[in-house]
């Protein structure tokens, strides 16, 4: 009883430290363009816009529908951070208190980069999927209650958060089928009862696929096989365990070895490994055939899925009293080796977030909010990068985006937007071309009341276009290095 009480106390201390750490980091976090775009779409777009854009953006709509009433009510984007952080704290709380894992295994997971920083601090839709998956894992032993509220909630969160969790939900659907068939091997009875019990999940799954299916008018084609980049699988596996090391064949082998050691520590190896490989195959296929950003928010999904698989099959129970070289010690040993390797850099990231700029977009917003820049029309390049500035401005401020020739806030993720972004990143269009094509759009360009020009690129000779430098790019960001902006105004304009 004494040991149980001490264990519960330590779990609460770990959870409390996690909550305090992630709140502190979130409070110091500056939005970047992907976070900003979600908030701006929810704030300024209609429900029709959301459902029209989502297939081309590549995300189901749940995240945006949660943000919509908050943004429409005029609340701050801090509420978006709050929803994300709440989801991750609930998910981590389930992992700490409901998984049955030893604290010695859970602690390095909680201290990992993705659990302590990437997912809770950077406000994206992935936290909803993690919460859904962990809620499902906690409910796994009572899965015969197919229509329970907790199971319905977990299905909804997975099916409508990201395409990755939609794929994992499909894996779990087939896992339930295999398990149920092993109990009732009469095909006719099995299929009838199985499909009946799964009707709500199938409705949610089909609805999500229908909403998410690409139109072919944006960044994704309607075909699953968009391209074939097998190195994305290698890189994502390597970076899921060693996120701060260059992805190489060596780091891939090291990462695979860690997964193998952890799986080898489990009594039900075949069951756990089969489930893990099925889900990892789905995630890897998305990365290979559709999209992989190289970010920890993608590669970290392998670690999240591993925790769920261990949880659902044979949780790592207390290892106290076991021989030093018992195989059940392999999982915590492997996780602490990884933690020891990564934690110094993870801690440095915590420090950077607390003391530095994640993105310099808010620095540009300070200038745009100051007199006499406040209220002026703004022309901004590169369009997709510029969205990071807008949440820091008043809700009535909009930008004119050159080449796209569109005024607004959020990105439409259509072919035109993607083409312009591609041109910008390849530098196949020059700053002179951009400015020349924009002059005719604004009759008061270069005059005292003319628009500002905000750009990721420096203008070599601004006076040729009737401009002068108002604020140079700060270049102080530690993570999103391409969100620093030069701000130019008419030559007759007073300097803020």
Protein backbone atom coordinates (compact mmCIF):
# COMPACT_ATOMS: atom_id res chain seq x y z
CA UNK A 1 0.00 0.00 0.00
CA UNK A 2 2.86 2.36 0.86
CA UNK A 3 4.53 1.69 -2.49
CA UNK A 4 1.24 2.29 -4.29
CA UNK A 5 0.75 5.62 -2.53
CA UNK A 6 4.30 6.68 -3.39
CA UNK A 7 3.77 5.67 -7.03
CA UNK A 8 0.59 7.74 -7.29
CA UNK A 9 2.33 10.73 -5.69
CA UNK A 10 5.21 10.50 -8.14
CA UNK A 11 2.79 10.28 -11.05
CA UNK A 12 1.04 13.44 -9.89
CA UNK A 13 4.38 15.19 -9.51
CA UNK A 14 5.35 14.19 -13.05
CA UNK A 15 2.01 15.31 -14.44
CA UNK A 16 2.13 18.59 -12.50
CA UNK A 17 5.64 19.31 -13.76
CA UNK A 18 4.51 18.54 -17.31
CA UNK A 19 1.54 20.91 -17.08
CA UNK A 20 3.65 23.73 -15.60
CA UNK A 21 6.39 23.26 -18.21
CA UNK A 22 4.05 23.23 -21.21
CA UNK A 23 2.00 26.19 -19.96
CA UNK A 24 5.22 28.18 -19.49
CA UNK A 25 6.49 27.28 -22.95
CA UNK A 26 3.13 27.96 -24.60
CA UNK A 27 2.88 31.37 -22.95
CA UNK A 28 6.23 32.29 -24.53
CA UNK A 29 5.47 30.84 -27.96
CA UNK A 30 5.03 33.03 -31.06
CA UNK A 31 2.74 31.77 -33.82
CA UNK A 32 4.16 30.74 -37.16
CA UNK A 33 2.33 30.61 -40.47
CA UNK A 34 0.68 27.17 -40.16
CA UNK A 35 -0.76 28.04 -36.76
CA UNK A 36 -1.76 31.51 -37.93
CA UNK A 37 -3.43 30.21 -41.09
CA UNK A 38 -5.68 27.89 -39.06
CA UNK A 39 -6.77 30.73 -36.80
CA UNK A 40 -7.30 33.15 -39.70
CA UNK A 41 -9.40 30.65 -41.66
CA UNK A 42 -11.56 30.03 -38.60
CA UNK A 43 -11.84 33.78 -37.94
CA UNK A 44 -12.36 35.15 -41.43
CA UNK A 45 -13.59 32.20 -43.47
CA UNK A 46 -17.13 30.90 -43.68
CA UNK A 47 -18.08 27.30 -42.94
CA UNK A 48 -18.26 26.83 -46.71
CA UNK A 49 -14.69 28.14 -47.02
CA UNK A 50 -13.51 25.68 -44.37
CA UNK A 51 -15.06 22.65 -46.05
CA UNK A 52 -13.92 23.84 -49.49
CA UNK A 53 -10.30 24.46 -48.48
CA UNK A 54 -9.73 21.47 -46.18
CA UNK A 55 -9.29 18.81 -48.92
CA UNK A 56 -6.59 20.93 -50.56
CA UNK A 57 -4.95 21.78 -47.23
CA UNK A 58 -4.93 18.06 -46.39
CA UNK A 59 -6.70 18.18 -43.02
CA UNK A 60 -10.14 17.09 -41.75
CA UNK A 61 -12.27 19.96 -40.41
CA UNK A 62 -12.55 19.28 -36.66
CA UNK A 63 -9.72 21.60 -35.58
CA UNK A 64 -11.18 24.48 -37.58
CA UNK A 65 -14.72 23.86 -36.37
CA UNK A 66 -13.50 24.02 -32.76
CA UNK A 67 -11.73 27.30 -33.46
CA UNK A 68 -14.57 28.87 -35.45
CA UNK A 69 -16.87 29.98 -32.59
CA UNK A 70 -13.95 31.31 -30.55
CA UNK A 71 -12.43 33.28 -33.42
CA UNK A 72 -15.82 34.55 -34.61
CA UNK A 73 -16.53 35.82 -31.09
CA UNK A 74 -13.46 38.05 -31.33
CA UNK A 75 -11.40 36.10 -28.82
CA UNK A 76 -7.61 36.02 -28.94
CA UNK A 77 -5.61 33.35 -30.73
CA UNK A 78 -4.39 32.38 -27.26
CA UNK A 79 -7.61 30.37 -27.04
CA UNK A 80 -6.34 28.22 -29.91
CA UNK A 81 -3.21 27.53 -27.91
CA UNK A 82 -5.38 26.70 -24.91
CA UNK A 83 -7.40 24.09 -26.80
CA UNK A 84 -4.24 22.47 -28.13
CA UNK A 85 -2.54 22.46 -24.73
CA UNK A 86 -5.63 21.10 -22.98
CA UNK A 87 -5.86 18.22 -25.46
CA UNK A 88 -2.20 17.30 -24.96
CA UNK A 89 -2.38 17.58 -21.17
CA UNK A 90 -5.42 15.30 -21.14
CA UNK A 91 -3.68 12.83 -23.45
CA UNK A 92 -0.51 12.87 -21.35
CA UNK A 93 -2.57 12.51 -18.18
CA UNK A 94 -4.18 9.38 -19.63
CA UNK A 95 -0.73 8.04 -20.45
CA UNK A 96 0.59 8.69 -16.95
CA UNK A 97 -2.41 7.47 -14.94
CA UNK A 98 -4.25 4.95 -17.14
CA UNK A 99 -1.66 3.15 -19.26
CA UNK A 100 -0.28 0.85 -16.57
CA UNK A 101 3.26 1.73 -17.65
CA UNK A 102 6.02 1.97 -15.10
CA UNK A 103 6.98 5.55 -14.29
CA UNK A 104 10.50 4.62 -15.29
CA UNK A 105 9.17 4.07 -18.84
CA UNK A 106 6.74 7.01 -18.92
CA UNK A 107 9.17 9.68 -17.69
CA UNK A 108 11.51 9.65 -20.74
CA UNK A 109 8.46 9.62 -23.05
CA UNK A 110 7.05 12.72 -21.35
CA UNK A 111 10.48 14.39 -21.54
CA UNK A 112 10.81 13.67 -25.24
CA UNK A 113 10.81 16.57 -27.70
CA UNK A 114 7.42 15.78 -29.23
CA UNK A 115 5.60 15.26 -25.93
CA UNK A 116 7.16 18.15 -24.03
CA UNK A 117 7.30 20.69 -26.84
CA UNK A 118 6.26 19.95 -30.43
CA UNK A 119 2.71 18.74 -29.84
CA UNK A 120 1.65 20.77 -26.75
CA UNK A 121 3.27 24.10 -27.62
CA UNK A 122 2.81 24.42 -31.39
CA UNK A 123 -0.95 24.68 -31.77
CA UNK A 124 -1.99 22.30 -34.53
CA UNK A 125 -4.64 19.62 -35.00
CA UNK A 126 -2.32 16.71 -34.09
CA UNK A 127 -3.12 17.01 -30.38
CA UNK A 128 -6.75 16.07 -31.06
CA UNK A 129 -5.67 12.85 -32.76
CA UNK A 130 -3.30 11.97 -29.92
CA UNK A 131 -6.06 12.52 -27.37
CA UNK A 132 -8.40 10.33 -29.43
CA UNK A 133 -5.82 7.56 -29.75
CA UNK A 134 -4.94 7.56 -26.05
CA UNK A 135 -8.61 7.69 -25.08
CA UNK A 136 -9.14 4.65 -27.29
CA UNK A 137 -6.17 2.91 -25.68
CA UNK A 138 -7.55 3.58 -22.21
CA UNK A 139 -10.89 2.12 -23.30
CA UNK A 140 -9.36 -0.81 -25.17
CA UNK A 141 -10.05 -3.54 -22.64
CA UNK A 142 -13.77 -2.70 -22.72
CA UNK A 143 -13.90 -2.45 -26.51
CA UNK A 144 -16.87 -4.79 -26.68
CA UNK A 145 -18.94 -1.72 -25.78
CA UNK A 146 -18.65 -0.45 -29.33
CA UNK A 147 -21.08 2.42 -28.90
CA UNK A 148 -19.88 3.80 -25.58
CA UNK A 149 -19.46 7.56 -25.40
CA UNK A 150 -15.70 7.36 -24.80
CA UNK A 151 -15.25 5.13 -27.80
CA UNK A 152 -17.42 7.40 -29.94
CA UNK A 153 -15.38 10.41 -28.83
CA UNK A 154 -12.09 8.66 -29.59
CA UNK A 155 -13.33 7.66 -33.06
CA UNK A 156 -14.47 11.23 -33.75
CA UNK A 157 -11.16 12.74 -32.65
CA UNK A 158 -9.10 10.31 -34.73
CA UNK A 159 -11.26 10.44 -37.86
CA UNK A 160 -11.53 14.22 -37.98
CA UNK A 161 -8.15 15.45 -36.67
CA UNK A 162 -5.50 14.51 -39.27
CA UNK A 163 -5.22 12.07 -42.13
CA UNK A 164 -2.57 10.15 -40.16
CA UNK A 165 -4.95 9.37 -37.32
CA UNK A 166 -7.67 8.58 -39.83
CA UNK A 167 -5.35 5.88 -41.19
CA UNK A 168 -4.59 4.63 -37.66
CA UNK A 169 -8.32 4.50 -36.93
CA UNK A 170 -8.65 2.17 -39.93
CA UNK A 171 -5.89 -0.05 -38.52
CA UNK A 172 -7.72 -0.25 -35.19
CA UNK A 173 -10.97 -1.05 -37.03
CA UNK A 174 -9.36 -4.09 -38.65
CA UNK A 175 -7.71 -5.00 -35.34
CA UNK A 176 -11.15 -5.15 -33.72
CA UNK A 177 -12.33 -7.30 -36.60
CA UNK A 178 -9.50 -9.79 -36.23
CA UNK A 179 -10.06 -9.98 -32.47
CA UNK A 180 -13.82 -10.47 -32.84
CA UNK A 181 -13.35 -13.10 -35.54
CA UNK A 182 -11.07 -15.11 -33.26
CA UNK A 183 -14.00 -15.31 -30.83
CA UNK A 184 -16.64 -16.13 -33.44
CA UNK A 185 -15.21 -17.93 -36.45
CA UNK A 186 -18.51 -18.42 -38.25
CA UNK A 187 -18.16 -16.06 -41.21
CA UNK A 188 -21.84 -15.19 -41.65
CA UNK A 189 -22.46 -14.42 -37.98
CA UNK A 190 -19.14 -12.63 -37.67
CA UNK A 191 -19.63 -10.20 -40.56
CA UNK A 192 -23.22 -9.44 -39.63
CA UNK A 193 -22.43 -8.74 -35.99
CA UNK A 194 -19.14 -6.98 -36.70
CA UNK A 195 -20.57 -4.55 -39.25
CA UNK A 196 -23.53 -3.90 -36.99
CA UNK A 197 -21.29 -3.07 -34.06
CA UNK A 198 -19.04 -0.90 -36.26
CA UNK A 199 -21.75 1.07 -38.04
CA UNK A 200 -21.05 4.33 -36.17
CA UNK A 201 -17.31 4.12 -36.79
CA UNK A 202 -17.86 3.30 -40.47
CA UNK A 203 -20.16 6.31 -40.80
CA UNK A 204 -17.55 8.60 -39.24
CA UNK A 205 -14.73 7.10 -41.32
CA UNK A 206 -16.56 7.33 -44.66
CA UNK A 207 -17.73 10.87 -43.88
CA UNK A 208 -14.17 11.96 -43.11
CA UNK A 209 -12.80 10.37 -46.28
CA UNK A 210 -15.53 12.07 -48.35
CA UNK A 211 -14.75 15.47 -46.80
CA UNK A 212 -11.00 15.01 -47.04
CA UNK A 213 -10.71 13.60 -50.55
CA UNK A 214 -8.59 16.07 -52.59
CA UNK A 215 -10.33 18.01 -55.32
CA UNK A 216 -7.22 17.97 -57.51
CA UNK A 217 -7.36 21.78 -57.59
CA UNK A 218 -4.84 22.31 -54.81
CA UNK A 219 -1.54 20.96 -53.54
CA UNK A 220 -2.71 17.31 -53.63
CA UNK A 221 -4.01 15.26 -56.52
CA UNK A 222 -7.04 13.01 -56.11
CA UNK A 223 -4.77 9.96 -56.45
CA UNK A 224 -3.22 8.39 -53.38
CA UNK A 225 0.09 7.86 -55.18
CA UNK A 226 1.13 11.48 -55.48
CA UNK A 227 4.83 10.62 -55.78
CA UNK A 228 7.26 8.00 -54.55
CA UNK A 229 9.98 9.17 -52.17
CA UNK A 230 11.13 6.12 -50.18
CA UNK A 231 13.75 8.20 -48.35
CA UNK A 232 10.89 9.90 -46.51
CA UNK A 233 10.25 6.65 -44.66
CA UNK A 234 13.89 6.31 -43.67
CA UNK A 235 14.10 9.93 -42.58
CA UNK A 236 10.85 9.90 -40.59
CA UNK A 237 11.80 6.74 -38.68
CA UNK A 238 15.26 8.12 -37.89
CA UNK A 239 13.95 11.51 -36.79
CA UNK A 240 11.22 10.01 -34.62
CA UNK A 241 13.91 8.81 -32.20
CA UNK A 242 16.77 11.23 -32.97
CA UNK A 243 14.98 14.44 -34.06
CA UNK A 244 18.08 16.63 -33.79
CA UNK A 245 20.40 14.43 -35.83
CA UNK A 246 20.65 14.46 -39.64
CA UNK A 247 18.63 11.59 -41.08
CA UNK A 248 21.09 9.01 -42.40
CA UNK A 249 21.23 5.26 -42.83
CA UNK A 250 23.05 5.06 -39.49
CA UNK A 251 20.43 7.03 -37.53
CA UNK A 252 17.74 4.95 -39.25
CA UNK A 253 19.38 1.74 -38.03
CA UNK A 254 19.73 3.21 -34.53
CA UNK A 255 16.06 4.19 -34.47
CA UNK A 256 14.94 0.78 -35.71
CA UNK A 257 17.12 -0.83 -33.03
CA UNK A 258 15.40 1.23 -30.33
CA UNK A 259 11.96 0.18 -31.59
CA UNK A 260 13.12 -3.44 -31.76
CA UNK A 261 14.46 -3.35 -28.19
CA UNK A 262 11.24 -1.88 -26.85
CA UNK A 263 9.05 -4.37 -28.71
CA UNK A 264 11.31 -7.25 -27.66
CA UNK A 265 10.64 -6.39 -24.00
CA UNK A 266 6.95 -7.16 -24.43
CA UNK A 267 5.56 -10.55 -23.49
CA UNK A 268 3.07 -10.55 -26.40
CA UNK A 269 5.70 -9.64 -29.00
CA UNK A 270 3.82 -10.94 -32.07
CA UNK A 271 0.61 -9.13 -31.17
CA UNK A 272 2.28 -5.83 -30.31
CA UNK A 273 4.76 -5.85 -33.19
CA UNK A 274 2.03 -6.73 -35.70
CA UNK A 275 -0.16 -3.85 -34.58
CA UNK A 276 2.76 -1.42 -34.50
CA UNK A 277 4.02 -2.39 -37.96
CA UNK A 278 0.53 -2.07 -39.45
CA UNK A 279 0.12 1.48 -38.15
CA UNK A 280 3.70 2.44 -38.94
CA UNK A 281 3.11 1.18 -42.48
CA UNK A 282 0.09 3.45 -42.87
CA UNK A 283 1.94 6.50 -41.54
CA UNK A 284 5.00 5.69 -43.65
CA UNK A 285 2.88 5.28 -46.78
CA UNK A 286 1.43 8.77 -46.27
CA UNK A 287 4.96 10.15 -45.98
CA UNK A 288 6.27 8.25 -49.00
CA UNK A 289 3.35 8.75 -51.36
CA UNK A 290 1.74 11.99 -50.23
CA UNK A 291 3.57 14.39 -47.94
CA UNK A 292 6.32 14.54 -45.33
CA UNK A 293 7.52 17.89 -44.01
CA UNK A 294 10.61 16.66 -42.17
CA UNK A 295 9.15 18.14 -39.00
CA UNK A 296 8.92 16.36 -35.63
CA UNK A 297 5.14 16.78 -35.75
CA UNK A 298 5.19 14.12 -38.48
CA UNK A 299 8.04 11.85 -37.44
CA UNK A 300 6.92 11.97 -33.81
CA UNK A 301 3.72 10.13 -34.73
CA UNK A 302 5.70 6.87 -34.74
CA UNK A 303 6.55 7.32 -31.04
CA UNK A 304 2.93 8.20 -30.24
CA UNK A 305 1.71 5.08 -32.06
CA UNK A 306 4.30 2.89 -30.30
CA UNK A 307 3.03 4.04 -26.89
CA UNK A 308 -0.55 3.25 -27.92
CA UNK A 309 0.37 -0.22 -29.19
CA UNK A 310 2.22 -1.11 -25.99
CA UNK A 311 -0.68 0.26 -23.97
CA UNK A 312 -3.34 -1.72 -25.85
CA UNK A 313 -1.56 -5.05 -25.86
CA UNK A 314 0.73 -5.70 -22.92
CA UNK A 315 1.57 -2.63 -20.82
CA UNK A 316 4.97 -2.70 -19.17
CA UNK A 317 4.12 -3.55 -15.58
CA UNK A 318 6.32 -3.02 -12.55
CA UNK A 319 9.89 -4.11 -13.21
CA UNK A 320 11.10 -3.73 -9.60
CA UNK A 321 12.78 -6.88 -8.36
CA UNK A 322 13.52 -8.22 -11.82
CA UNK A 323 17.05 -9.34 -12.69
CA UNK A 324 19.20 -6.61 -14.24
CA UNK A 325 19.26 -8.32 -17.63
CA UNK A 326 15.59 -9.34 -17.72
CA UNK A 327 14.06 -8.54 -21.10
CA UNK A 328 11.26 -6.46 -19.54
CA UNK A 329 13.93 -3.92 -18.60
CA UNK A 330 14.75 -3.33 -22.25
CA UNK A 331 11.94 -0.82 -22.86
CA UNK A 332 12.86 1.67 -20.10
CA UNK A 333 16.58 1.20 -20.77
CA UNK A 334 16.06 2.00 -24.48
CA UNK A 335 13.88 5.01 -23.71
CA UNK A 336 16.32 6.44 -21.17
CA UNK A 337 19.22 5.99 -23.62
CA UNK A 338 17.27 8.01 -26.17
CA UNK A 339 16.31 10.55 -23.51
CA UNK A 340 19.93 10.96 -22.39
CA UNK A 341 20.93 11.57 -26.01
CA UNK A 342 18.20 14.10 -26.77
CA UNK A 343 17.46 15.83 -23.46
CA UNK A 344 20.32 18.39 -23.56
CA UNK A 345 19.03 19.70 -26.88
CA UNK A 346 15.40 19.46 -25.75
CA UNK A 347 16.27 21.58 -22.71
CA UNK A 348 18.00 24.09 -24.96
CA UNK A 349 14.82 24.30 -27.04
CA UNK A 350 12.83 25.05 -23.88
CA UNK A 351 15.28 27.85 -23.12
CA UNK A 352 15.15 29.22 -26.66
CA UNK A 353 11.36 29.27 -26.60
CA UNK A 354 11.36 31.14 -23.31
CA UNK A 355 14.01 33.69 -24.31
CA UNK A 356 13.98 33.98 -28.10
CA UNK A 357 11.70 34.39 -31.10
CA UNK A 358 10.18 31.26 -32.62
CA UNK A 359 9.30 33.49 -35.61
CA UNK A 360 9.97 37.18 -36.24
CA UNK A 361 6.45 37.75 -37.61
CA UNK A 362 5.31 39.40 -34.38
CA UNK A 363 8.26 41.80 -34.65
CA UNK A 364 6.91 42.96 -38.00
CA UNK A 365 3.46 43.32 -36.45
CA UNK A 366 4.87 45.70 -33.82
CA UNK A 367 5.98 48.04 -36.61
CA UNK A 368 2.70 47.70 -38.52
CA UNK A 369 0.74 48.52 -35.36
CA UNK A 370 2.75 51.68 -34.68
CA UNK A 371 2.00 55.15 -36.02
CA UNK A 372 2.03 56.07 -38.87
CA UNK A 373 2.02 52.50 -40.25
CA UNK A 374 -1.15 51.52 -38.40
CA UNK A 375 -4.21 51.38 -40.63
CA UNK A 376 -2.28 51.56 -43.89
CA UNK A 377 -2.85 49.16 -46.72
CA UNK A 378 -0.16 46.49 -46.83
CA UNK A 379 1.29 44.61 -49.78
CA UNK A 380 3.06 41.51 -48.53
CA UNK A 381 5.44 38.98 -50.07
CA UNK A 382 5.79 35.91 -49.71
CA UNK A 383 2.02 35.40 -49.39
CA UNK A 384 2.06 32.17 -47.37
CA UNK A 385 4.73 33.45 -44.98
CA UNK A 386 2.87 36.71 -44.43
CA UNK A 387 -0.07 35.01 -42.71
CA UNK A 388 2.09 34.69 -39.59
CA UNK A 389 1.88 38.48 -39.06
CA UNK A 390 -1.88 38.89 -39.25
CA UNK A 391 -3.03 37.41 -35.90
CA UNK A 392 -1.01 40.16 -34.18
CA UNK A 393 -2.90 42.90 -36.07
CA UNK A 394 -6.49 44.09 -35.70
CA UNK A 395 -9.07 41.78 -37.26
CA UNK A 396 -9.94 44.30 -39.97
CA UNK A 397 -6.40 44.35 -41.42
CA UNK A 398 -5.91 42.45 -44.66
CA UNK A 399 -2.91 42.06 -46.94
CA UNK A 400 -2.68 42.32 -50.69
CA UNK A 401 -0.69 39.36 -51.98
CA UNK A 402 1.27 40.04 -55.21
CA UNK A 403 1.28 37.52 -58.09
CA UNK A 404 -1.58 35.66 -56.42
CA UNK A 405 -3.42 38.99 -56.89
CA UNK A 406 -5.67 38.38 -53.93
CA UNK A 407 -6.53 40.44 -50.86
CA UNK A 408 -7.31 38.66 -47.64
CA UNK A 409 -5.81 36.83 -44.71
CA UNK A 410 -5.85 33.01 -44.87
CA UNK A 411 -4.41 30.79 -47.59
CA UNK A 412 -6.72 29.04 -50.06
CA UNK A 413 -4.22 26.21 -50.68
CA UNK A 414 -5.25 26.12 -54.33
CA UNK A 415 -3.04 25.62 -57.37
CA UNK A 416 -2.45 29.35 -57.80
CA UNK A 417 -1.30 29.77 -54.21
CA UNK A 418 0.93 26.70 -54.41
CA UNK A 419 2.41 27.83 -57.73
CA UNK A 420 3.31 31.24 -56.32
CA UNK A 421 4.83 29.67 -53.21
CA UNK A 422 6.86 27.32 -55.39
CA UNK A 423 8.10 30.25 -57.50
CA UNK A 424 9.08 32.13 -54.37
CA UNK A 425 11.04 29.28 -52.84
CA UNK A 426 12.81 28.59 -56.13
CA UNK A 427 13.49 32.31 -56.65
CA UNK A 428 12.16 31.99 -60.18
CA UNK A 429 10.57 35.42 -59.81
CA UNK A 430 12.53 38.53 -58.77
CA UNK A 431 11.61 41.25 -56.31
CA UNK A 432 11.75 43.78 -59.17
CA UNK A 433 9.16 41.76 -61.11
CA UNK A 434 6.93 41.57 -58.07
CA UNK A 435 7.05 45.30 -57.42
CA UNK A 436 6.67 46.24 -61.10
CA UNK A 437 3.55 44.09 -61.41
CA UNK A 438 2.11 45.67 -58.25
CA UNK A 439 2.59 49.38 -59.05
CA UNK A 440 -0.38 49.66 -61.39
CA UNK A 441 -2.69 48.14 -58.80
CA UNK A 442 -2.35 51.11 -56.39
CA UNK A 443 -2.82 54.67 -57.75
CA UNK A 444 -1.29 56.13 -54.57
CA UNK A 445 1.79 53.89 -54.65
CA UNK A 446 4.86 55.79 -53.43
CA UNK A 447 2.77 58.74 -52.29
CA UNK A 448 2.51 59.96 -48.72
CA UNK A 449 -0.66 57.94 -48.07
CA UNK A 450 0.48 54.97 -50.16
CA UNK A 451 0.67 51.35 -49.08
CA UNK A 452 3.47 49.65 -47.22
CA UNK A 453 5.47 46.87 -48.78
CA UNK A 454 6.37 44.02 -46.39
CA UNK A 455 8.69 41.37 -47.72
CA UNK A 456 10.75 38.33 -46.77
CA UNK A 457 13.20 39.59 -49.40
CA UNK A 458 15.25 42.75 -49.19
CA UNK A 459 14.62 45.34 -51.94
CA UNK A 460 18.09 46.30 -53.25
CA UNK A 461 17.10 49.75 -54.59
CA UNK A 462 13.78 50.70 -53.01
CA UNK A 463 13.94 54.29 -54.28
CA UNK A 464 13.39 52.98 -57.83
CA UNK A 465 9.90 52.06 -56.71
CA UNK A 466 9.21 55.15 -54.61
CA UNK A 467 9.95 53.33 -51.37
CA UNK A 468 12.26 53.68 -48.41
CA UNK A 469 13.24 51.19 -45.72
CA UNK A 470 11.15 51.65 -42.58
CA UNK A 471 12.26 48.62 -40.60
CA UNK A 472 14.92 46.05 -41.48
CA UNK A 473 14.37 42.34 -40.93
CA UNK A 474 15.22 41.46 -37.33
CA UNK A 475 16.64 38.02 -38.20
CA UNK A 476 16.42 36.95 -34.57
CA UNK A 477 14.21 33.84 -34.90
CA UNK A 478 15.67 30.54 -33.72
CA UNK A 479 13.29 28.15 -35.51
CA UNK A 480 11.26 29.64 -38.39
CA UNK A 481 14.07 31.46 -40.13
CA UNK A 482 12.10 32.55 -43.21
CA UNK A 483 9.57 34.64 -41.27
CA UNK A 484 11.62 37.79 -40.89
CA UNK A 485 10.42 40.82 -42.83
CA UNK A 486 11.78 44.03 -44.36
CA UNK A 487 9.16 46.78 -44.16
CA UNK A 488 9.14 49.62 -46.72
CA UNK A 489 6.98 52.69 -46.97
CA UNK A 490 6.53 55.67 -49.34
CA UNK A 491 9.53 57.97 -49.41
CA UNK A 492 7.48 60.84 -47.97
CA UNK A 493 6.20 58.76 -45.07
CA UNK A 494 7.34 59.47 -41.53
CA UNK A 495 9.41 56.69 -39.99
CA UNK A 496 7.60 54.87 -37.14
